[in-house]
C-alpha atoms as a PDB file:
ATOM      1  CA  UNK A   1       0.000   0.000   0.000  1.00  0.00           C
ATOM      2  CA  UNK A   2       1.397   3.388  -0.992  1.00  0.00           C
ATOM      3  CA  UNK A   3       1.484   6.262   1.473  1.00  0.00           C
ATOM      4  CA  UNK A   4      -1.278   8.061  -0.431  1.00  0.00           C
ATOM      5  CA  UNK A   5      -3.444   4.934  -0.229  1.00  0.00           C
ATOM      6  CA  UNK A   6      -2.714   4.662   3.504  1.00  0.00           C
ATOM      7  CA  UNK A   7      -3.916   8.202   4.148  1.00  0.00           C
ATOM      8  CA  UNK A   8      -6.946   7.673   1.907  1.00  0.00           C
ATOM      9  CA  UNK A   9      -7.840   4.568   3.935  1.00  0.00           C
ATOM     10  CA  UNK A  10      -7.553   6.657   7.116  1.00  0.00           C
ATOM     11  CA  UNK A  11     -10.030   9.153   5.659  1.00  0.00           C
ATOM     12  CA  UNK A  12     -12.464   6.390   4.693  1.00  0.00           C
ATOM     13  CA  UNK A  13     -12.260   4.920   8.219  1.00  0.00           C
ATOM     14  CA  UNK A  14     -12.939   8.388   9.720  1.00  0.00           C
ATOM     15  CA  UNK A  15      -9.635   8.331  11.580  1.00  0.00           C
ATOM     16  CA  UNK A  16      -8.987  11.439  13.683  1.00  0.00           C
ATOM     17  CA  UNK A  17      -5.379  10.572  14.627  1.00  0.00           C
ATOM     18  CA  UNK A  18      -2.987   8.321  12.742  1.00  0.00           C
ATOM     19  CA  UNK A  19       0.040   6.761  14.503  1.00  0.00           C
ATOM     20  CA  UNK A  20       2.874   5.561  12.296  1.00  0.00           C
ATOM     21  CA  UNK A  21       5.990   3.815  13.632  1.00  0.00           C
ATOM     22  CA  UNK A  22       8.481   2.224  11.277  1.00  0.00           C
ATOM     23  CA  UNK A  23       8.339  -1.605  11.220  1.00  0.00           C
ATOM     24  CA  UNK A  24       4.901  -1.626  12.903  1.00  0.00           C
ATOM     25  CA  UNK A  25       1.354  -1.685  11.564  1.00  0.00           C
ATOM     26  CA  UNK A  26      -0.311   1.748  11.475  1.00  0.00           C
ATOM     27  CA  UNK A  27      -2.958   2.492  14.077  1.00  0.00           C
ATOM     28  CA  UNK A  28      -5.704   5.088  13.952  1.00  0.00           C
ATOM     29  CA  UNK A  29      -8.081   6.592  16.480  1.00  0.00           C
ATOM     30  CA  UNK A  30     -11.647   6.055  15.292  1.00  0.00           C
ATOM     31  CA  UNK A  31     -14.278   7.845  17.413  1.00  0.00           C
ATOM     32  CA  UNK A  32     -11.818   7.896  20.302  1.00  0.00           C
ATOM     33  CA  UNK A  33     -10.777   4.215  20.077  1.00  0.00           C
ATOM     34  CA  UNK A  34      -7.256   3.301  18.919  1.00  0.00           C
ATOM     35  CA  UNK A  35      -7.631   0.741  16.124  1.00  0.00           C
ATOM     36  CA  UNK A  36      -5.036  -1.223  14.138  1.00  0.00           C
ATOM     37  CA  UNK A  37      -5.375  -0.596  10.415  1.00  0.00           C
ATOM     38  CA  UNK A  38      -5.422  -3.818   8.397  1.00  0.00           C
ATOM     39  CA  UNK A  39      -2.345  -2.987   6.342  1.00  0.00           C
ATOM     40  CA  UNK A  40       1.242  -4.176   6.292  1.00  0.00           C
ATOM     41  CA  UNK A  41       3.814  -2.760   8.734  1.00  0.00           C
ATOM     42  CA  UNK A  42       5.553   0.390   7.524  1.00  0.00           C
ATOM     43  CA  UNK A  43       9.030  -0.403   6.220  1.00  0.00           C
ATOM     44  CA  UNK A  44      12.044   1.846   6.760  1.00  0.00           C
ATOM     45  CA  UNK A  45      11.932   2.818   3.077  1.00  0.00           C
ATOM     46  CA  UNK A  46       8.235   3.692   3.210  1.00  0.00           C
ATOM     47  CA  UNK A  47       8.759   5.742   6.370  1.00  0.00           C
ATOM     48  CA  UNK A  48      11.604   7.667   4.727  1.00  0.00           C
ATOM     49  CA  UNK A  49       9.335   8.314   1.756  1.00  0.00           C
ATOM     50  CA  UNK A  50       6.677   9.629   4.159  1.00  0.00           C
ATOM     51  CA  UNK A  51       9.168  12.033   5.700  1.00  0.00           C
ATOM     52  CA  UNK A  52      10.104  13.241   2.206  1.00  0.00           C
ATOM     53  CA  UNK A  53       6.433  13.920   1.433  1.00  0.00           C
ATOM     54  CA  UNK A  54       5.411  15.511   4.743  1.00  0.00           C
ATOM     55  CA  UNK A  55       8.514  17.456   5.839  1.00  0.00           C
ATOM     56  CA  UNK A  56      10.534  20.167   4.169  1.00  0.00           C
ATOM     57  CA  UNK A  57      14.238  19.625   3.532  1.00  0.00           C
ATOM     58  CA  UNK A  58      15.136  21.808   6.510  1.00  0.00           C
ATOM     59  CA  UNK A  59      12.717  19.882   8.735  1.00  0.00           C
ATOM     60  CA  UNK A  60      14.135  16.535   7.582  1.00  0.00           C
ATOM     61  CA  UNK A  61      17.652  17.662   8.493  1.00  0.00           C
ATOM     62  CA  UNK A  62      16.450  18.851  11.916  1.00  0.00           C
ATOM     63  CA  UNK A  63      14.626  15.554  12.465  1.00  0.00           C
ATOM     64  CA  UNK A  64      17.781  13.626  11.547  1.00  0.00           C
ATOM     65  CA  UNK A  65      19.598  15.575  14.281  1.00  0.00           C
ATOM     66  CA  UNK A  66      17.121  14.206  16.813  1.00  0.00           C
ATOM     67  CA  UNK A  67      14.722  17.156  17.031  1.00  0.00           C
ATOM     68  CA  UNK A  68      10.948  16.730  17.229  1.00  0.00           C
ATOM     69  CA  UNK A  69       9.138  18.404  14.330  1.00  0.00           C
ATOM     70  CA  UNK A  70       5.687  20.021  14.322  1.00  0.00           C
ATOM     71  CA  UNK A  71       4.191  20.978  10.981  1.00  0.00           C
ATOM     72  CA  UNK A  72       1.104  20.574   8.790  1.00  0.00           C
ATOM     73  CA  UNK A  73       0.617  19.233   5.271  1.00  0.00           C
ATOM     74  CA  UNK A  74      -2.124  18.713   2.681  1.00  0.00           C
ATOM     75  CA  UNK A  75      -2.472  15.157   1.380  1.00  0.00           C
ATOM     76  CA  UNK A  76      -5.302  13.261  -0.407  1.00  0.00           C
ATOM     77  CA  UNK A  77      -7.477  16.363  -0.247  1.00  0.00           C
ATOM     78  CA  UNK A  78      -7.219  16.656   3.536  1.00  0.00           C
ATOM     79  CA  UNK A  79      -5.096  18.720   5.902  1.00  0.00           C
ATOM     80  CA  UNK A  80      -2.987  16.917   8.507  1.00  0.00           C
ATOM     81  CA  UNK A  81      -1.160  18.214  11.587  1.00  0.00           C
ATOM     82  CA  UNK A  82       2.111  16.286  11.919  1.00  0.00           C
ATOM     83  CA  UNK A  83       4.380  15.560  14.875  1.00  0.00           C
ATOM     84  CA  UNK A  84       7.554  13.651  13.960  1.00  0.00           C
ATOM     85  CA  UNK A  85       9.611  12.129  16.780  1.00  0.00           C
ATOM     86  CA  UNK A  86      11.893   9.244  17.659  1.00  0.00           C
ATOM     87  CA  UNK A  87      11.317   6.614  20.337  1.00  0.00           C
ATOM     88  CA  UNK A  88      12.688   3.244  21.389  1.00  0.00           C
ATOM     89  CA  UNK A  89      11.170   1.432  18.413  1.00  0.00           C
ATOM     90  CA  UNK A  90      12.549   3.910  15.875  1.00  0.00           C
ATOM     91  CA  UNK A  91      11.113   6.870  13.989  1.00  0.00           C
ATOM     92  CA  UNK A  92       7.453   7.760  14.485  1.00  0.00           C
ATOM     93  CA  UNK A  93       4.749  10.107  13.260  1.00  0.00           C
ATOM     94  CA  UNK A  94       1.621  11.213  15.072  1.00  0.00           C
ATOM     95  CA  UNK A  95      -0.718  12.726  12.494  1.00  0.00           C
ATOM     96  CA  UNK A  96      -4.008  14.478  13.227  1.00  0.00           C
ATOM     97  CA  UNK A  97      -6.647  15.065  10.593  1.00  0.00           C
ATOM     98  CA  UNK A  98      -7.755  18.695  10.461  1.00  0.00           C
ATOM     99  CA  UNK A  99     -10.769  19.951   8.492  1.00  0.00           C
ATOM    100  CA  UNK A 100      -9.625  21.766   5.360  1.00  0.00           C
ATOM    101  CA  UNK A 101     -11.743  24.790   6.262  1.00  0.00           C
ATOM    102  CA  UNK A 102     -13.155  26.106   9.546  1.00  0.00           C
ATOM    103  CA  UNK A 103     -16.600  24.757  10.367  1.00  0.00           C
ATOM    104  CA  UNK A 104     -19.555  27.121  10.864  1.00  0.00           C
ATOM    105  CA  UNK A 105     -19.741  27.978  14.552  1.00  0.00           C
ATOM    106  CA  UNK A 106     -23.459  27.172  14.638  1.00  0.00           C
ATOM    107  CA  UNK A 107     -22.738  23.520  13.715  1.00  0.00           C
ATOM    108  CA  UNK A 108     -20.484  22.750  16.697  1.00  0.00           C
ATOM    109  CA  UNK A 109     -23.191  22.333  19.323  1.00  0.00           C
ATOM    110  CA  UNK A 110     -22.215  25.371  21.390  1.00  0.00           C
ATOM    111  CA  UNK A 111     -24.768  27.660  23.076  1.00  0.00           C
ATOM    112  CA  UNK A 112     -25.827  30.871  21.348  1.00  0.00           C
ATOM    113  CA  UNK A 113     -23.983  32.997  23.899  1.00  0.00           C
ATOM    114  CA  UNK A 114     -20.662  31.955  22.331  1.00  0.00           C
ATOM    115  CA  UNK A 115     -21.629  33.568  19.022  1.00  0.00           C
ATOM    116  CA  UNK A 116     -21.766  36.971  20.738  1.00  0.00           C
ATOM    117  CA  UNK A 117     -18.058  36.701  21.592  1.00  0.00           C
ATOM    118  CA  UNK A 118     -17.229  37.204  17.910  1.00  0.00           C
ATOM    119  CA  UNK A 119     -18.567  40.769  18.263  1.00  0.00           C
ATOM    120  CA  UNK A 120     -16.264  41.708  21.140  1.00  0.00           C
ATOM    121  CA  UNK A 121     -13.881  44.597  20.523  1.00  0.00           C
ATOM    122  CA  UNK A 122     -11.391  43.646  23.229  1.00  0.00           C
ATOM    123  CA  UNK A 123     -10.821  41.205  26.054  1.00  0.00           C
ATOM    124  CA  UNK A 124      -9.744  37.591  26.482  1.00  0.00           C
ATOM    125  CA  UNK A 125     -11.625  34.520  25.213  1.00  0.00           C
ATOM    126  CA  UNK A 126     -10.276  31.089  26.134  1.00  0.00           C
ATOM    127  CA  UNK A 127     -11.082  27.690  24.606  1.00  0.00           C
ATOM    128  CA  UNK A 128      -9.931  24.878  26.878  1.00  0.00           C
ATOM    129  CA  UNK A 129     -10.021  21.110  27.148  1.00  0.00           C
ATOM    130  CA  UNK A 130      -7.823  18.020  26.924  1.00  0.00           C
ATOM    131  CA  UNK A 131      -5.905  17.030  23.798  1.00  0.00           C
ATOM    132  CA  UNK A 132      -8.263  16.003  21.004  1.00  0.00           C
ATOM    133  CA  UNK A 133     -11.277  17.852  22.412  1.00  0.00           C
ATOM    134  CA  UNK A 134     -11.705  20.152  19.409  1.00  0.00           C
ATOM    135  CA  UNK A 135     -10.203  23.338  20.866  1.00  0.00           C
ATOM    136  CA  UNK A 136      -8.557  24.344  17.583  1.00  0.00           C
ATOM    137  CA  UNK A 137     -11.799  23.685  15.680  1.00  0.00           C
ATOM    138  CA  UNK A 138     -13.825  25.930  17.999  1.00  0.00           C
ATOM    139  CA  UNK A 139     -11.259  28.738  17.953  1.00  0.00           C
ATOM    140  CA  UNK A 140     -10.986  28.557  14.150  1.00  0.00           C
ATOM    141  CA  UNK A 141     -14.777  28.723  13.826  1.00  0.00           C
ATOM    142  CA  UNK A 142     -14.933  31.884  15.957  1.00  0.00           C
ATOM    143  CA  UNK A 143     -12.205  33.472  13.814  1.00  0.00           C
ATOM    144  CA  UNK A 144     -13.990  32.399  10.636  1.00  0.00           C
ATOM    145  CA  UNK A 145     -17.226  34.024  11.805  1.00  0.00           C
ATOM    146  CA  UNK A 146     -15.351  37.284  12.382  1.00  0.00           C
ATOM    147  CA  UNK A 147     -13.553  36.910   9.036  1.00  0.00           C
ATOM    148  CA  UNK A 148     -16.815  36.669   7.144  1.00  0.00           C
ATOM    149  CA  UNK A 149     -18.499  39.555   8.928  1.00  0.00           C
ATOM    150  CA  UNK A 150     -16.089  42.316   9.962  1.00  0.00           C
ATOM    151  CA  UNK A 151     -13.309  44.338   8.315  1.00  0.00           C
ATOM    152  CA  UNK A 152     -10.525  43.709  10.826  1.00  0.00           C
ATOM    153  CA  UNK A 153      -6.920  42.555  11.025  1.00  0.00           C
ATOM    154  CA  UNK A 154      -6.467  39.109  12.580  1.00  0.00           C
ATOM    155  CA  UNK A 155      -2.956  38.026  13.576  1.00  0.00           C
ATOM    156  CA  UNK A 156      -2.836  34.277  14.263  1.00  0.00           C
ATOM    157  CA  UNK A 157       0.188  32.716  15.991  1.00  0.00           C
ATOM    158  CA  UNK A 158       0.224  28.914  15.789  1.00  0.00           C
ATOM    159  CA  UNK A 159       2.456  25.863  16.064  1.00  0.00           C
ATOM    160  CA  UNK A 160       1.807  24.583  13.478  1.00  0.00           C
ATOM    161  CA  UNK A 161      -0.749  26.386  11.306  1.00  0.00           C
ATOM    162  CA  UNK A 162      -3.733  24.030  11.217  1.00  0.00           C
ATOM    163  CA  UNK A 163      -6.727  25.754   9.634  1.00  0.00           C
ATOM    164  CA  UNK A 164      -5.841  27.987   6.692  1.00  0.00           C
ATOM    165  CA  UNK A 165      -7.865  31.209   6.755  1.00  0.00           C
ATOM    166  CA  UNK A 166      -8.264  33.033   3.460  1.00  0.00           C
ATOM    167  CA  UNK A 167      -8.858  36.789   3.495  1.00  0.00           C
ATOM    168  CA  UNK A 168     -12.567  37.524   3.298  1.00  0.00           C
ATOM    169  CA  UNK A 169     -13.716  40.705   5.016  1.00  0.00           C
ATOM    170  CA  UNK A 170     -10.722  40.456   7.351  1.00  0.00           C
ATOM    171  CA  UNK A 171      -7.027  40.604   6.626  1.00  0.00           C
ATOM    172  CA  UNK A 172      -5.614  37.430   8.220  1.00  0.00           C
ATOM    173  CA  UNK A 173      -1.885  37.146   8.978  1.00  0.00           C
ATOM    174  CA  UNK A 174      -0.979  33.595  10.036  1.00  0.00           C
ATOM    175  CA  UNK A 175       2.459  33.061  11.581  1.00  0.00           C
ATOM    176  CA  UNK A 176       3.954  29.685  12.446  1.00  0.00           C
ATOM    177  CA  UNK A 177       6.270  29.279  15.429  1.00  0.00           C
ATOM    178  CA  UNK A 178       9.534  27.760  14.274  1.00  0.00           C
ATOM    179  CA  UNK A 179       9.010  28.918  10.684  1.00  0.00           C
ATOM    180  CA  UNK A 180       8.092  32.605  10.779  1.00  0.00           C
ATOM    181  CA  UNK A 181       8.857  33.379  14.431  1.00  0.00           C
ATOM    182  CA  UNK A 182      10.981  31.863  17.201  1.00  0.00           C
ATOM    183  CA  UNK A 183       8.346  31.581  19.941  1.00  0.00           C
ATOM    184  CA  UNK A 184       4.804  32.483  20.951  1.00  0.00           C
ATOM    185  CA  UNK A 185       6.078  35.262  23.207  1.00  0.00           C
ATOM    186  CA  UNK A 186       8.268  36.894  20.536  1.00  0.00           C
ATOM    187  CA  UNK A 187       5.416  36.627  18.018  1.00  0.00           C
ATOM    188  CA  UNK A 188       3.043  38.293  20.495  1.00  0.00           C
ATOM    189  CA  UNK A 189       5.451  41.196  20.983  1.00  0.00           C
ATOM    190  CA  UNK A 190       5.665  41.627  17.218  1.00  0.00           C
ATOM    191  CA  UNK A 191       1.893  41.314  16.811  1.00  0.00           C
ATOM    192  CA  UNK A 192       1.317  44.378  18.976  1.00  0.00           C
ATOM    193  CA  UNK A 193       3.284  46.402  16.396  1.00  0.00           C
ATOM    194  CA  UNK A 194       1.273  45.022  13.448  1.00  0.00           C
ATOM    195  CA  UNK A 195      -1.949  47.007  14.009  1.00  0.00           C
ATOM    196  CA  UNK A 196      -4.055  43.983  14.987  1.00  0.00           C
ATOM    197  CA  UNK A 197      -7.698  44.025  16.023  1.00  0.00           C
ATOM    198  CA  UNK A 198      -7.722  40.349  16.990  1.00  0.00           C
ATOM    199  CA  UNK A 199      -4.811  38.166  18.094  1.00  0.00           C
ATOM    200  CA  UNK A 200      -5.126  34.387  18.127  1.00  0.00           C
ATOM    201  CA  UNK A 201      -2.513  32.589  20.235  1.00  0.00           C
ATOM    202  CA  UNK A 202      -2.510  28.860  19.467  1.00  0.00           C
ATOM    203  CA  UNK A 203      -1.650  27.995  23.062  1.00  0.00           C
ATOM    204  CA  UNK A 204      -0.719  29.970  26.180  1.00  0.00           C
ATOM    205  CA  UNK A 205       2.126  27.728  27.320  1.00  0.00           C
ATOM    206  CA  UNK A 206       4.264  29.787  29.695  1.00  0.00           C
ATOM    207  CA  UNK A 207       4.308  32.788  32.022  1.00  0.00           C
ATOM    208  CA  UNK A 208       5.674  35.223  29.442  1.00  0.00           C
ATOM    209  CA  UNK A 209       3.090  34.299  26.791  1.00  0.00           C
ATOM    210  CA  UNK A 210       0.230  34.511  29.311  1.00  0.00           C
ATOM    211  CA  UNK A 211       1.441  37.898  30.566  1.00  0.00           C
ATOM    212  CA  UNK A 212       1.739  39.308  27.035  1.00  0.00           C
ATOM    213  CA  UNK A 213      -1.717  37.966  26.124  1.00  0.00           C
ATOM    214  CA  UNK A 214      -3.225  39.653  29.191  1.00  0.00           C
ATOM    215  CA  UNK A 215      -1.461  42.903  28.338  1.00  0.00           C
ATOM    216  CA  UNK A 216      -2.742  42.739  24.748  1.00  0.00           C
ATOM    217  CA  UNK A 217      -6.303  42.195  25.985  1.00  0.00           C
ATOM    218  CA  UNK A 218      -5.878  45.018  28.502  1.00  0.00           C
ATOM    219  CA  UNK A 219      -4.725  47.482  25.826  1.00  0.00           C
ATOM    220  CA  UNK A 220      -7.765  47.139  23.576  1.00  0.00           C
ATOM    221  CA  UNK A 221      -7.303  43.959  21.548  1.00  0.00           C
ATOM    222  CA  UNK A 222      -9.470  40.863  21.377  1.00  0.00           C
ATOM    223  CA  UNK A 223      -7.238  37.906  22.281  1.00  0.00           C
ATOM    224  CA  UNK A 224      -8.421  34.343  21.622  1.00  0.00           C
ATOM    225  CA  UNK A 225      -6.334  31.443  22.882  1.00  0.00           C
ATOM    226  CA  UNK A 226      -6.404  27.842  24.127  1.00  0.00           C
ATOM    227  CA  UNK A 227      -5.327  26.061  27.290  1.00  0.00           C
ATOM    228  CA  UNK A 228      -5.127  22.401  28.343  1.00  0.00           C
ATOM    229  CA  UNK A 229      -7.509  22.667  31.298  1.00  0.00           C
ATOM    230  CA  UNK A 230     -10.635  20.644  32.012  1.00  0.00           C
ATOM    231  CA  UNK A 231     -12.987  23.261  33.477  1.00  0.00           C
ATOM    232  CA  UNK A 232     -13.595  26.997  33.566  1.00  0.00           C
ATOM    233  CA  UNK A 233     -12.616  27.255  37.238  1.00  0.00           C
ATOM    234  CA  UNK A 234      -9.362  25.343  36.642  1.00  0.00           C
ATOM    235  CA  UNK A 235      -8.618  27.621  33.684  1.00  0.00           C
ATOM    236  CA  UNK A 236      -8.733  30.729  35.875  1.00  0.00           C
ATOM    237  CA  UNK A 237      -6.658  29.006  38.563  1.00  0.00           C
ATOM    238  CA  UNK A 238      -4.065  27.803  36.026  1.00  0.00           C
ATOM    239  CA  UNK A 239      -3.489  31.308  34.660  1.00  0.00           C
ATOM    240  CA  UNK A 240      -3.054  32.807  38.129  1.00  0.00           C
ATOM    241  CA  UNK A 241      -0.922  29.961  39.506  1.00  0.00           C
ATOM    242  CA  UNK A 242       1.663  30.331  36.719  1.00  0.00           C
ATOM    243  CA  UNK A 243       2.828  33.567  38.370  1.00  0.00           C
ATOM    244  CA  UNK A 244       4.858  33.989  41.581  1.00  0.00           C
ATOM    245  CA  UNK A 245       2.744  34.480  44.719  1.00  0.00           C
ATOM    246  CA  UNK A 246       3.623  38.160  45.033  1.00  0.00           C
ATOM    247  CA  UNK A 247       2.304  38.855  41.504  1.00  0.00           C
ATOM    248  CA  UNK A 248      -0.916  36.882  41.786  1.00  0.00           C
ATOM    249  CA  UNK A 249      -3.144  39.634  43.255  1.00  0.00           C
ATOM    250  CA  UNK A 250      -2.234  41.919  40.333  1.00  0.00           C
ATOM    251  CA  UNK A 251      -2.776  39.121  37.780  1.00  0.00           C
ATOM    252  CA  UNK A 252      -6.171  38.301  39.305  1.00  0.00           C
ATOM    253  CA  UNK A 253      -7.147  41.965  38.940  1.00  0.00           C
ATOM    254  CA  UNK A 254      -6.031  42.111  35.295  1.00  0.00           C
ATOM    255  CA  UNK A 255      -7.713  38.788  34.483  1.00  0.00           C
ATOM    256  CA  UNK A 256     -10.938  39.916  36.177  1.00  0.00           C
ATOM    257  CA  UNK A 257     -10.973  43.046  34.007  1.00  0.00           C
ATOM    258  CA  UNK A 258     -10.055  41.415  30.689  1.00  0.00           C
ATOM    259  CA  UNK A 259     -11.638  37.944  30.693  1.00  0.00           C
ATOM    260  CA  UNK A 260     -14.813  37.780  28.597  1.00  0.00           C
ATOM    261  CA  UNK A 261     -15.524  34.057  28.349  1.00  0.00           C
ATOM    262  CA  UNK A 262     -14.246  30.499  28.734  1.00  0.00           C
ATOM    263  CA  UNK A 263     -15.332  27.372  26.877  1.00  0.00           C
ATOM    264  CA  UNK A 264     -14.201  24.142  28.575  1.00  0.00           C
ATOM    265  CA  UNK A 265     -15.014  21.301  26.207  1.00  0.00           C
ATOM    266  CA  UNK A 266     -14.566  17.582  25.635  1.00  0.00           C
ATOM    267  CA  UNK A 267     -15.777  15.020  23.107  1.00  0.00           C
ATOM    268  CA  UNK A 268     -17.758  12.052  24.429  1.00  0.00           C
ATOM    269  CA  UNK A 269     -19.018   8.908  22.706  1.00  0.00           C
ATOM    270  CA  UNK A 270     -22.666   9.225  21.647  1.00  0.00           C
ATOM    271  CA  UNK A 271     -25.413   6.666  20.973  1.00  0.00           C
ATOM    272  CA  UNK A 272     -24.313   6.153  17.369  1.00  0.00           C
ATOM    273  CA  UNK A 273     -20.695   5.438  18.275  1.00  0.00           C
ATOM    274  CA  UNK A 274     -19.508   8.853  17.103  1.00  0.00           C
ATOM    275  CA  UNK A 275     -18.511  11.733  19.343  1.00  0.00           C
ATOM    276  CA  UNK A 276     -20.435  14.771  20.541  1.00  0.00           C
ATOM    277  CA  UNK A 277     -19.368  17.967  22.253  1.00  0.00           C
ATOM    278  CA  UNK A 278     -19.961  18.425  25.980  1.00  0.00           C
ATOM    279  CA  UNK A 279     -18.923  21.802  27.328  1.00  0.00           C
ATOM    280  CA  UNK A 280     -18.991  24.445  30.025  1.00  0.00           C
ATOM    281  CA  UNK A 281     -19.469  28.060  28.989  1.00  0.00           C
ATOM    282  CA  UNK A 282     -18.466  30.768  31.463  1.00  0.00           C
ATOM    283  CA  UNK A 283     -19.512  34.370  30.842  1.00  0.00           C
ATOM    284  CA  UNK A 284     -17.510  37.043  32.682  1.00  0.00           C
ATOM    285  CA  UNK A 285     -20.390  38.666  34.540  1.00  0.00           C
ATOM    286  CA  UNK A 286     -19.778  41.133  37.363  1.00  0.00           C
ATOM    287  CA  UNK A 287     -20.216  38.276  39.863  1.00  0.00           C
ATOM    288  CA  UNK A 288     -17.580  36.162  38.075  1.00  0.00           C
ATOM    289  CA  UNK A 289     -15.177  39.105  37.882  1.00  0.00           C
ATOM    290  CA  UNK A 290     -15.544  39.625  41.636  1.00  0.00           C
ATOM    291  CA  UNK A 291     -14.789  35.955  42.330  1.00  0.00           C
ATOM    292  CA  UNK A 292     -11.654  36.108  40.165  1.00  0.00           C
ATOM    293  CA  UNK A 293     -10.477  39.341  41.783  1.00  0.00           C
ATOM    294  CA  UNK A 294     -11.013  37.943  45.296  1.00  0.00           C
ATOM    295  CA  UNK A 295      -9.348  34.591  44.511  1.00  0.00           C
ATOM    296  CA  UNK A 296     -12.566  32.604  45.054  1.00  0.00           C
ATOM    297  CA  UNK A 297     -12.421  30.549  41.869  1.00  0.00           C
ATOM    298  CA  UNK A 298     -13.820  27.510  43.717  1.00  0.00           C
ATOM    299  CA  UNK A 299     -17.215  29.261  43.626  1.00  0.00           C
ATOM    300  CA  UNK A 300     -17.271  29.451  39.812  1.00  0.00           C
ATOM    301  CA  UNK A 301     -18.841  25.995  39.457  1.00  0.00           C
ATOM    302  CA  UNK A 302     -21.830  27.143  41.538  1.00  0.00           C
ATOM    303  CA  UNK A 303     -22.214  30.261  39.384  1.00  0.00           C
ATOM    304  CA  UNK A 304     -22.236  28.099  36.248  1.00  0.00           C
ATOM    305  CA  UNK A 305     -25.047  25.954  37.646  1.00  0.00           C
ATOM    306  CA  UNK A 306     -27.219  28.920  38.609  1.00  0.00           C
ATOM    307  CA  UNK A 307     -26.634  31.426  35.787  1.00  0.00           C
ATOM    308  CA  UNK A 308     -28.184  29.889  32.677  1.00  0.00           C
ATOM    309  CA  UNK A 309     -30.105  33.142  32.135  1.00  0.00           C
ATOM    310  CA  UNK A 310     -26.753  34.928  31.686  1.00  0.00           C
ATOM    311  CA  UNK A 311     -25.748  32.644  28.814  1.00  0.00           C
ATOM    312  CA  UNK A 312     -23.738  30.229  30.943  1.00  0.00           C
ATOM    313  CA  UNK A 313     -23.773  26.478  30.547  1.00  0.00           C
ATOM    314  CA  UNK A 314     -22.516  23.965  33.084  1.00  0.00           C
ATOM    315  CA  UNK A 315     -21.174  20.566  32.091  1.00  0.00           C
ATOM    316  CA  UNK A 316     -24.179  18.926  33.736  1.00  0.00           C
ATOM    317  CA  UNK A 317     -26.573  21.134  31.749  1.00  0.00           C
ATOM    318  CA  UNK A 318     -24.718  20.279  28.536  1.00  0.00           C
ATOM    319  CA  UNK A 319     -25.046  16.543  29.255  1.00  0.00           C
ATOM    320  CA  UNK A 320     -28.748  16.922  30.128  1.00  0.00           C
ATOM    321  CA  UNK A 321     -29.371  18.757  26.871  1.00  0.00           C
ATOM    322  CA  UNK A 322     -27.731  15.989  24.817  1.00  0.00           C
ATOM    323  CA  UNK A 323     -29.648  13.326  26.725  1.00  0.00           C
ATOM    324  CA  UNK A 324     -32.939  15.137  26.083  1.00  0.00           C
ATOM    325  CA  UNK A 325     -32.057  15.236  22.374  1.00  0.00           C
ATOM    326  CA  UNK A 326     -31.442  11.478  22.423  1.00  0.00           C
ATOM    327  CA  UNK A 327     -27.789  11.966  21.517  1.00  0.00           C
ATOM    328  CA  UNK A 328     -26.327  10.526  24.747  1.00  0.00           C
ATOM    329  CA  UNK A 329     -27.460   7.614  26.889  1.00  0.00           C
END
């Protein structure tokens, strides 16, 4: 089986993630379950051919030196996010299938209150969840809604670039860490000099990036980013806890003033064997801002449960809604 046929088979099987290790049979994640593809093990020659197809010459040289590589590539009419690495069994690729174009926000199963965030002029919007929960898809859909509606400048900083945004009403500048810029933090500093209206940060990974994102939101920009946290309350706590104790009161104050909303999402198996979105949606009401400022993030879960009229959605409410629709057991 050629590499193109392998990727085509992955598409036909509705594989979300494809794991390729030389000398082993490929495996794919189908609706969350890791499944062995019924094809021959990948030979050293076939793996080298894959690297030639998926990586640039510079990336292949870096990979040969033992570096991990993150990139994206179009193959068999689909876009794939690629992570190349080495492990005890040899060379390996972890490949995630990414939709070729952002999906309409209304099709993702999010509450209507999230749509209003695309009209914000400034502030911080966070999309959170574990790996494979669709964070990038949700963020890209929010950006796409803005792109089709408003004449603004969007600066997107990603590693790697997953969804490709074409200029519609917006001017979209997409920058890839490791290709166009050295780091998220250096790209954020540059972005503030590029007359942006909206800044998308693929992931807030460290103190410096989080601080710069907060400063950008504080100075009149809309900042959209992602975090690997499992709930809205844990998201607020994670941002604050990154900073030294003496800085945390100031960070809580800035976060309370700039935060506009948090989506904490995950994908769960539904009745049909596919996956559906379960999420929390936190709106930064005056009550939520007070809790953040006072360091009482443990009360956020209660606010989520009792503030549906303010556009909030708790995880329990999301599950109940899907059960009532017959989507979940």
